[in-house]
Amino acid sequence: MENLVEIFTKLDWSPLIISIKTAIVATIISFFIGVYLAKKAMSFSKKRKAFLDGVMSLPMVLPPTVAGFILLIVFSKRRFLGSFLLENFNISVLQTWLGCVIAATVIALPLMYQNARAAFEQVDKNLIYAARTLGINEKKIFYKILLPVSKPGLMSGSILCFARAMGEYGATSMIAGNIQGKTGTISQTIAMVINDGNYLKAGIWVVIVLIISFVIIYSANVTMSKK
C-alpha cells in the first residue's frame, strides 16, 4: 500500500495533460472538418457519397500503424509537404506535439463524420423544404435549422471523437514518437512502463484511463438518450 501511494504521489502527470490537450485540439479540428464533409455529402450523388464514405472509413478499418506509416511518409522532411512546411514555415511534424494532434485527428475524424452525417440525414426533410419555400437561403437553413436539430448527434460524435483521440496509440507512436513531457501520451506511457516491468505504475494509468473512458461513454449515452 505504501509503495502504491509513493508511486501515485511521484507520478508524472504530463502524459495525462498531453493526452487531454491533444484530444481537445483533435476534436475541435475533427468537428469542423467532419461537419463540413457531412454537409457536402448530403448533396453528393450515390457514387460520390460512397467514395467519400470509403475514404473516411479507412482510418477505422486499417491498423493505426498503417495510418501512422502513411503520415510518416507524407510529413517526412525528405518529402514535398514535410520539407515545404519546414523550409517555409519552420514547422516540423515528426517527433512533435503537432504530430500527436495530426495522428489523433486522422484516426478520430471518421467518428465525427459518421455521426454528423447520420444526424443530418435524420433531420425531417420537410423542415428544410418549408424553409426553402419561405425563401430562406441555404446558409441560414444550415445554421438555423440543420445544426440545432442535429445537436444531440453532433455532441455525441464530438464525445466519441474525443475518446478515440485520447486513446490513440499506433499512429501517434509512428509520427510523434514517445518523448516524455512532449509527445508521450497515456497510451504510450502504459506500453512503456509495461515493457519496463512496472505493472503497478501501468495499473495506475489503466485505472485513470478506465475512469476517463467511463465518464466519456456515460456522457455519450446521456447525450444520445436526449435525441
C-alpha atoms as a PDB file:
ATOM      1  CA  MET A   1       0.000   0.000   0.000  1.00  0.00           C
ATOM      2  CA  GLU A   2       2.820   2.391   0.877  1.00  0.00           C
ATOM      3  CA  ASN A   3       4.504   1.588  -2.419  1.00  0.00           C
ATOM      4  CA  LEU A   4       1.278   2.382  -4.270  1.00  0.00           C
ATOM      5  CA  VAL A   5       0.890   5.737  -2.518  1.00  0.00           C
ATOM      6  CA  GLU A   6       4.537   6.584  -3.161  1.00  0.00           C
ATOM      7  CA  ILE A   7       4.220   5.840  -6.893  1.00  0.00           C
ATOM      8  CA  PHE A   8       0.975   7.811  -7.116  1.00  0.00           C
ATOM      9  CA  THR A   9       2.425  10.893  -5.399  1.00  0.00           C
ATOM     10  CA  LYS A  10       5.531  10.823  -7.603  1.00  0.00           C
ATOM     11  CA  LEU A  11       3.581  10.161 -10.790  1.00  0.00           C
ATOM     12  CA  ASP A  12       4.467  12.330 -13.766  1.00  0.00           C
ATOM     13  CA  TRP A  13       1.153  13.782 -14.915  1.00  0.00           C
ATOM     14  CA  SER A  14       2.473  15.061 -18.253  1.00  0.00           C
ATOM     15  CA  PRO A  15       1.023  12.084 -20.214  1.00  0.00           C
ATOM     16  CA  LEU A  16      -2.468  12.954 -18.971  1.00  0.00           C
ATOM     17  CA  ILE A  17      -2.017  16.647 -19.804  1.00  0.00           C
ATOM     18  CA  ILE A  18      -0.615  15.858 -23.257  1.00  0.00           C
ATOM     19  CA  SER A  19      -3.413  13.369 -23.967  1.00  0.00           C
ATOM     20  CA  ILE A  20      -6.159  15.799 -22.934  1.00  0.00           C
ATOM     21  CA  LYS A  21      -4.625  18.695 -24.881  1.00  0.00           C
ATOM     22  CA  THR A  22      -4.222  16.512 -27.943  1.00  0.00           C
ATOM     23  CA  ALA A  23      -7.763  15.160 -27.704  1.00  0.00           C
ATOM     24  CA  ILE A  24      -9.286  18.624 -27.291  1.00  0.00           C
ATOM     25  CA  VAL A  25      -7.488  20.105 -30.314  1.00  0.00           C
ATOM     26  CA  ALA A  26      -8.096  16.987 -32.431  1.00  0.00           C
ATOM     27  CA  THR A  27     -11.795  17.042 -31.532  1.00  0.00           C
ATOM     28  CA  ILE A  28     -12.169  20.708 -32.473  1.00  0.00           C
ATOM     29  CA  ILE A  29     -10.454  20.148 -35.830  1.00  0.00           C
ATOM     30  CA  SER A  30     -12.426  16.959 -36.465  1.00  0.00           C
ATOM     31  CA  PHE A  31     -15.688  18.703 -35.594  1.00  0.00           C
ATOM     32  CA  PHE A  32     -15.369  21.393 -38.245  1.00  0.00           C
ATOM     33  CA  ILE A  33     -13.966  19.091 -40.929  1.00  0.00           C
ATOM     34  CA  GLY A  34     -16.440  16.310 -40.130  1.00  0.00           C
ATOM     35  CA  VAL A  35     -19.463  18.625 -40.137  1.00  0.00           C
ATOM     36  CA  TYR A  36     -18.320  20.249 -43.384  1.00  0.00           C
ATOM     37  CA  LEU A  37     -17.809  16.919 -45.161  1.00  0.00           C
ATOM     38  CA  ALA A  38     -21.089  15.527 -43.808  1.00  0.00           C
ATOM     39  CA  LYS A  39     -22.928  18.582 -45.091  1.00  0.00           C
ATOM     40  CA  LYS A  40     -21.268  18.272 -48.507  1.00  0.00           C
ATOM     41  CA  ALA A  41     -22.129  14.569 -48.655  1.00  0.00           C
ATOM     42  CA  MET A  42     -25.834  15.418 -48.478  1.00  0.00           C
ATOM     43  CA  SER A  43     -25.665  16.969 -51.945  1.00  0.00           C
ATOM     44  CA  PHE A  44     -23.450  14.274 -53.491  1.00  0.00           C
ATOM     45  CA  SER A  45     -24.609  11.574 -55.876  1.00  0.00           C
ATOM     46  CA  LYS A  46     -24.649   7.983 -54.607  1.00  0.00           C
ATOM     47  CA  LYS A  47     -21.298   7.186 -56.208  1.00  0.00           C
ATOM     48  CA  ARG A  48     -19.571  10.298 -54.886  1.00  0.00           C
ATOM     49  CA  LYS A  49     -21.075   9.731 -51.449  1.00  0.00           C
ATOM     50  CA  ALA A  50     -19.917   6.093 -51.479  1.00  0.00           C
ATOM     51  CA  PHE A  51     -16.414   7.213 -52.437  1.00  0.00           C
ATOM     52  CA  LEU A  52     -16.293   9.794 -49.636  1.00  0.00           C
ATOM     53  CA  ASP A  53     -17.637   7.254 -47.143  1.00  0.00           C
ATOM     54  CA  GLY A  54     -14.980   4.800 -48.237  1.00  0.00           C
ATOM     55  CA  VAL A  55     -12.164   7.306 -47.781  1.00  0.00           C
ATOM     56  CA  MET A  56     -13.494   8.447 -44.408  1.00  0.00           C
ATOM     57  CA  SER A  57     -13.901   4.870 -43.199  1.00  0.00           C
ATOM     58  CA  LEU A  58     -10.326   3.818 -43.988  1.00  0.00           C
ATOM     59  CA  PRO A  59      -8.796   5.027 -40.682  1.00  0.00           C
ATOM     60  CA  MET A  60     -11.378   2.921 -38.814  1.00  0.00           C
ATOM     61  CA  VAL A  61     -10.678  -0.342 -40.655  1.00  0.00           C
ATOM     62  CA  LEU A  62      -6.938  -0.047 -41.241  1.00  0.00           C
ATOM     63  CA  PRO A  63      -4.451  -0.762 -38.440  1.00  0.00           C
ATOM     64  CA  PRO A  64      -3.438   2.558 -36.807  1.00  0.00           C
ATOM     65  CA  THR A  65       0.191   1.775 -37.601  1.00  0.00           C
ATOM     66  CA  VAL A  66      -0.677   1.809 -41.327  1.00  0.00           C
ATOM     67  CA  ALA A  67      -2.178   5.288 -40.967  1.00  0.00           C
ATOM     68  CA  GLY A  68       0.892   6.272 -38.972  1.00  0.00           C
ATOM     69  CA  PHE A  69       3.215   4.970 -41.683  1.00  0.00           C
ATOM     70  CA  ILE A  70       1.361   6.979 -44.338  1.00  0.00           C
ATOM     71  CA  LEU A  71       1.595  10.111 -42.198  1.00  0.00           C
ATOM     72  CA  LEU A  72       5.268   9.390 -41.591  1.00  0.00           C
ATOM     73  CA  ILE A  73       5.900   9.299 -45.342  1.00  0.00           C
ATOM     74  CA  VAL A  74       3.745  12.374 -46.072  1.00  0.00           C
ATOM     75  CA  PHE A  75       5.344  14.588 -43.412  1.00  0.00           C
ATOM     76  CA  SER A  76       8.879  13.289 -43.782  1.00  0.00           C
ATOM     77  CA  LYS A  77      11.417  16.054 -44.221  1.00  0.00           C
ATOM     78  CA  ARG A  78      12.545  14.274 -47.383  1.00  0.00           C
ATOM     79  CA  ARG A  79       9.077  14.569 -48.933  1.00  0.00           C
ATOM     80  CA  PHE A  80       7.492  17.609 -50.527  1.00  0.00           C
ATOM     81  CA  LEU A  81       4.965  18.511 -47.819  1.00  0.00           C
ATOM     82  CA  GLY A  82       7.319  17.924 -44.916  1.00  0.00           C
ATOM     83  CA  SER A  83      10.165  19.896 -46.469  1.00  0.00           C
ATOM     84  CA  PHE A  84       7.775  22.650 -47.620  1.00  0.00           C
ATOM     85  CA  LEU A  85       6.417  23.178 -44.084  1.00  0.00           C
ATOM     86  CA  LEU A  86       9.890  23.149 -42.580  1.00  0.00           C
ATOM     87  CA  GLU A  87      11.559  25.458 -45.099  1.00  0.00           C
ATOM     88  CA  ASN A  88       8.726  27.984 -45.445  1.00  0.00           C
ATOM     89  CA  PHE A  89       7.082  27.975 -42.009  1.00  0.00           C
ATOM     90  CA  ASN A  90       9.685  26.270 -39.824  1.00  0.00           C
ATOM     91  CA  ILE A  91       7.044  23.684 -38.903  1.00  0.00           C
ATOM     92  CA  SER A  92       8.165  20.153 -38.129  1.00  0.00           C
ATOM     93  CA  VAL A  93       5.536  17.454 -37.646  1.00  0.00           C
ATOM     94  CA  LEU A  94       7.651  14.415 -36.857  1.00  0.00           C
ATOM     95  CA  GLN A  95       8.570  13.897 -33.205  1.00  0.00           C
ATOM     96  CA  THR A  96       6.491  16.903 -32.106  1.00  0.00           C
ATOM     97  CA  TRP A  97       3.195  17.548 -30.329  1.00  0.00           C
ATOM     98  CA  LEU A  98       1.777  18.689 -33.654  1.00  0.00           C
ATOM     99  CA  GLY A  99       2.351  15.144 -34.835  1.00  0.00           C
ATOM    100  CA  CYS A 100       0.237  13.887 -31.914  1.00  0.00           C
ATOM    101  CA  VAL A 101      -2.602  16.199 -32.943  1.00  0.00           C
ATOM    102  CA  ILE A 102      -2.449  15.214 -36.621  1.00  0.00           C
ATOM    103  CA  ALA A 103      -2.363  11.490 -35.819  1.00  0.00           C
ATOM    104  CA  ALA A 104      -5.261  11.771 -33.350  1.00  0.00           C
ATOM    105  CA  THR A 105      -7.286  13.860 -35.822  1.00  0.00           C
ATOM    106  CA  VAL A 106      -6.820  11.402 -38.676  1.00  0.00           C
ATOM    107  CA  ILE A 107      -7.888   8.462 -36.509  1.00  0.00           C
ATOM    108  CA  ALA A 108     -10.801  10.228 -34.772  1.00  0.00           C
ATOM    109  CA  LEU A 109     -12.214  12.229 -37.710  1.00  0.00           C
ATOM    110  CA  PRO A 110     -14.223   9.307 -39.185  1.00  0.00           C
ATOM    111  CA  LEU A 111     -16.274   9.060 -35.984  1.00  0.00           C
ATOM    112  CA  MET A 112     -17.196  12.738 -36.189  1.00  0.00           C
ATOM    113  CA  TYR A 113     -18.038  12.461 -39.878  1.00  0.00           C
ATOM    114  CA  GLN A 114     -20.206   9.366 -39.468  1.00  0.00           C
ATOM    115  CA  ASN A 115     -22.133  10.832 -36.526  1.00  0.00           C
ATOM    116  CA  ALA A 116     -22.605  14.202 -38.216  1.00  0.00           C
ATOM    117  CA  ARG A 117     -23.833  12.608 -41.422  1.00  0.00           C
ATOM    118  CA  ALA A 118     -26.239  10.331 -39.541  1.00  0.00           C
ATOM    119  CA  ALA A 119     -27.552  13.314 -37.570  1.00  0.00           C
ATOM    120  CA  PHE A 120     -28.091  15.399 -40.709  1.00  0.00           C
ATOM    121  CA  GLU A 121     -29.863  12.560 -42.506  1.00  0.00           C
ATOM    122  CA  GLN A 122     -32.312  12.143 -39.615  1.00  0.00           C
ATOM    123  CA  VAL A 123     -33.486  15.752 -39.839  1.00  0.00           C
ATOM    124  CA  ASP A 124     -37.019  15.984 -41.166  1.00  0.00           C
ATOM    125  CA  LYS A 125     -36.662  16.998 -44.810  1.00  0.00           C
ATOM    126  CA  ASN A 126     -39.990  18.833 -44.635  1.00  0.00           C
ATOM    127  CA  LEU A 127     -38.381  21.423 -42.353  1.00  0.00           C
ATOM    128  CA  ILE A 128     -35.750  22.140 -44.990  1.00  0.00           C
ATOM    129  CA  TYR A 129     -38.293  22.205 -47.832  1.00  0.00           C
ATOM    130  CA  ALA A 130     -40.521  24.575 -45.870  1.00  0.00           C
ATOM    131  CA  ALA A 131     -37.580  26.898 -45.167  1.00  0.00           C
ATOM    132  CA  ARG A 132     -36.677  26.978 -48.858  1.00  0.00           C
ATOM    133  CA  THR A 133     -40.294  27.717 -49.745  1.00  0.00           C
ATOM    134  CA  LEU A 134     -40.156  30.707 -47.397  1.00  0.00           C
ATOM    135  CA  GLY A 135     -37.106  31.998 -49.261  1.00  0.00           C
ATOM    136  CA  ILE A 136     -34.519  31.247 -46.564  1.00  0.00           C
ATOM    137  CA  ASN A 137     -31.074  30.769 -48.103  1.00  0.00           C
ATOM    138  CA  GLU A 138     -29.045  27.586 -47.652  1.00  0.00           C
ATOM    139  CA  LYS A 139     -26.582  29.179 -45.238  1.00  0.00           C
ATOM    140  CA  LYS A 140     -29.342  30.213 -42.811  1.00  0.00           C
ATOM    141  CA  ILE A 141     -31.024  26.827 -43.193  1.00  0.00           C
ATOM    142  CA  PHE A 142     -27.776  25.173 -42.150  1.00  0.00           C
ATOM    143  CA  TYR A 143     -27.195  27.396 -39.102  1.00  0.00           C
ATOM    144  CA  LYS A 144     -30.800  27.932 -38.027  1.00  0.00           C
ATOM    145  CA  ILE A 145     -32.325  24.512 -38.732  1.00  0.00           C
ATOM    146  CA  LEU A 146     -29.849  21.746 -39.564  1.00  0.00           C
ATOM    147  CA  LEU A 147     -27.311  22.398 -36.796  1.00  0.00           C
ATOM    148  CA  PRO A 148     -29.800  22.974 -33.919  1.00  0.00           C
ATOM    149  CA  VAL A 149     -31.877  19.907 -34.805  1.00  0.00           C
ATOM    150  CA  SER A 150     -28.743  17.779 -35.194  1.00  0.00           C
ATOM    151  CA  LYS A 151     -27.205  18.992 -31.924  1.00  0.00           C
ATOM    152  CA  PRO A 152     -27.526  15.699 -29.941  1.00  0.00           C
ATOM    153  CA  GLY A 153     -25.873  13.705 -32.735  1.00  0.00           C
ATOM    154  CA  LEU A 154     -23.101  16.259 -33.146  1.00  0.00           C
ATOM    155  CA  MET A 155     -22.453  16.313 -29.406  1.00  0.00           C
ATOM    156  CA  SER A 156     -22.349  12.524 -29.291  1.00  0.00           C
ATOM    157  CA  GLY A 157     -19.944  12.470 -32.221  1.00  0.00           C
ATOM    158  CA  SER A 158     -17.707  15.019 -30.518  1.00  0.00           C
ATOM    159  CA  ILE A 159     -17.615  12.984 -27.301  1.00  0.00           C
ATOM    160  CA  LEU A 160     -16.751   9.761 -29.130  1.00  0.00           C
ATOM    161  CA  CYS A 161     -14.182  11.642 -31.210  1.00  0.00           C
ATOM    162  CA  PHE A 162     -12.567  12.951 -28.018  1.00  0.00           C
ATOM    163  CA  ALA A 163     -12.476   9.450 -26.541  1.00  0.00           C
ATOM    164  CA  ARG A 164     -10.863   7.992 -29.652  1.00  0.00           C
ATOM    165  CA  ALA A 165      -8.283  10.781 -29.757  1.00  0.00           C
ATOM    166  CA  MET A 166      -7.494  10.235 -26.071  1.00  0.00           C
ATOM    167  CA  GLY A 167      -6.767   6.554 -26.596  1.00  0.00           C
ATOM    168  CA  GLU A 168      -4.857   6.792 -29.880  1.00  0.00           C
ATOM    169  CA  TYR A 169      -1.572   4.913 -29.836  1.00  0.00           C
ATOM    170  CA  GLY A 170      -0.394   3.353 -33.102  1.00  0.00           C
ATOM    171  CA  ALA A 171      -0.335   6.328 -35.465  1.00  0.00           C
ATOM    172  CA  THR A 172       0.922   8.644 -32.706  1.00  0.00           C
ATOM    173  CA  SER A 173       3.866   6.347 -31.961  1.00  0.00           C
ATOM    174  CA  MET A 174       4.811   6.276 -35.632  1.00  0.00           C
ATOM    175  CA  ILE A 175       4.717  10.007 -36.323  1.00  0.00           C
ATOM    176  CA  ALA A 176       5.290  11.673 -32.942  1.00  0.00           C
ATOM    177  CA  GLY A 177       7.297   9.117 -31.016  1.00  0.00           C
ATOM    178  CA  ASN A 178       7.272   8.833 -27.240  1.00  0.00           C
ATOM    179  CA  ILE A 179       9.170  11.809 -25.855  1.00  0.00           C
ATOM    180  CA  GLN A 180       8.465  12.304 -22.161  1.00  0.00           C
ATOM    181  CA  GLY A 181       6.838  15.651 -21.420  1.00  0.00           C
ATOM    182  CA  LYS A 182       6.478  16.409 -25.134  1.00  0.00           C
ATOM    183  CA  THR A 183       4.719  13.668 -27.101  1.00  0.00           C
ATOM    184  CA  GLY A 184       4.314  10.925 -24.500  1.00  0.00           C
ATOM    185  CA  THR A 185       0.566  10.204 -24.181  1.00  0.00           C
ATOM    186  CA  ILE A 186      -1.160   7.934 -21.669  1.00  0.00           C
ATOM    187  CA  SER A 187      -1.355   5.028 -24.118  1.00  0.00           C
ATOM    188  CA  GLN A 188       2.346   5.270 -24.902  1.00  0.00           C
ATOM    189  CA  THR A 189       3.228   5.580 -21.217  1.00  0.00           C
ATOM    190  CA  ILE A 190       1.296   2.412 -20.361  1.00  0.00           C
ATOM    191  CA  ALA A 191       3.122   0.462 -23.078  1.00  0.00           C
ATOM    192  CA  MET A 192       6.481   1.865 -21.949  1.00  0.00           C
ATOM    193  CA  VAL A 193       6.111   1.053 -18.235  1.00  0.00           C
ATOM    194  CA  ILE A 194       4.830  -2.445 -19.048  1.00  0.00           C
ATOM    195  CA  ASN A 195       7.945  -3.038 -21.154  1.00  0.00           C
ATOM    196  CA  ASP A 196       9.953  -1.882 -18.137  1.00  0.00           C
ATOM    197  CA  GLY A 197       8.117  -4.416 -15.967  1.00  0.00           C
ATOM    198  CA  ASN A 198       6.477  -1.769 -13.773  1.00  0.00           C
ATOM    199  CA  TYR A 199       2.997  -3.288 -13.703  1.00  0.00           C
ATOM    200  CA  LEU A 200       1.921  -1.322 -10.639  1.00  0.00           C
ATOM    201  CA  LYS A 201       2.534   2.009 -12.350  1.00  0.00           C
ATOM    202  CA  ALA A 202       0.889   0.712 -15.507  1.00  0.00           C
ATOM    203  CA  GLY A 203      -2.093  -0.348 -13.395  1.00  0.00           C
ATOM    204  CA  ILE A 204      -2.472   3.172 -12.011  1.00  0.00           C
ATOM    205  CA  TRP A 205      -2.585   4.618 -15.517  1.00  0.00           C
ATOM    206  CA  VAL A 206      -5.022   1.912 -16.620  1.00  0.00           C
ATOM    207  CA  VAL A 207      -7.373   2.822 -13.760  1.00  0.00           C
ATOM    208  CA  ILE A 208      -7.133   6.501 -14.708  1.00  0.00           C
ATOM    209  CA  VAL A 209      -7.949   5.656 -18.347  1.00  0.00           C
ATOM    210  CA  LEU A 210     -10.858   3.443 -17.278  1.00  0.00           C
ATOM    211  CA  ILE A 211     -12.357   6.250 -15.202  1.00  0.00           C
ATOM    212  CA  ILE A 212     -11.967   8.784 -18.013  1.00  0.00           C
ATOM    213  CA  SER A 213     -13.386   6.326 -20.567  1.00  0.00           C
ATOM    214  CA  PHE A 214     -16.398   5.537 -18.391  1.00  0.00           C
ATOM    215  CA  VAL A 215     -17.173   9.221 -17.925  1.00  0.00           C
ATOM    216  CA  ILE A 216     -16.903   9.777 -21.689  1.00  0.00           C
ATOM    217  CA  ILE A 217     -19.118   6.784 -22.554  1.00  0.00           C
ATOM    218  CA  TYR A 218     -21.654   7.790 -19.899  1.00  0.00           C
ATOM    219  CA  SER A 219     -21.748  11.320 -21.312  1.00  0.00           C
ATOM    220  CA  ALA A 220     -22.252   9.966 -24.827  1.00  0.00           C
ATOM    221  CA  ASN A 221     -25.108   7.704 -23.695  1.00  0.00           C
ATOM    222  CA  VAL A 222     -26.808  10.558 -21.854  1.00  0.00           C
ATOM    223  CA  THR A 223     -26.459  12.753 -24.939  1.00  0.00           C
ATOM    224  CA  MET A 224     -27.838  10.031 -27.235  1.00  0.00           C
ATOM    225  CA  SER A 225     -30.814   9.446 -24.923  1.00  0.00           C
ATOM    226  CA  LYS A 226     -31.863  13.072 -25.431  1.00  0.00           C
ATOM    227  CA  LYS A 227     -32.469  12.523 -29.136  1.00  0.00           C
END
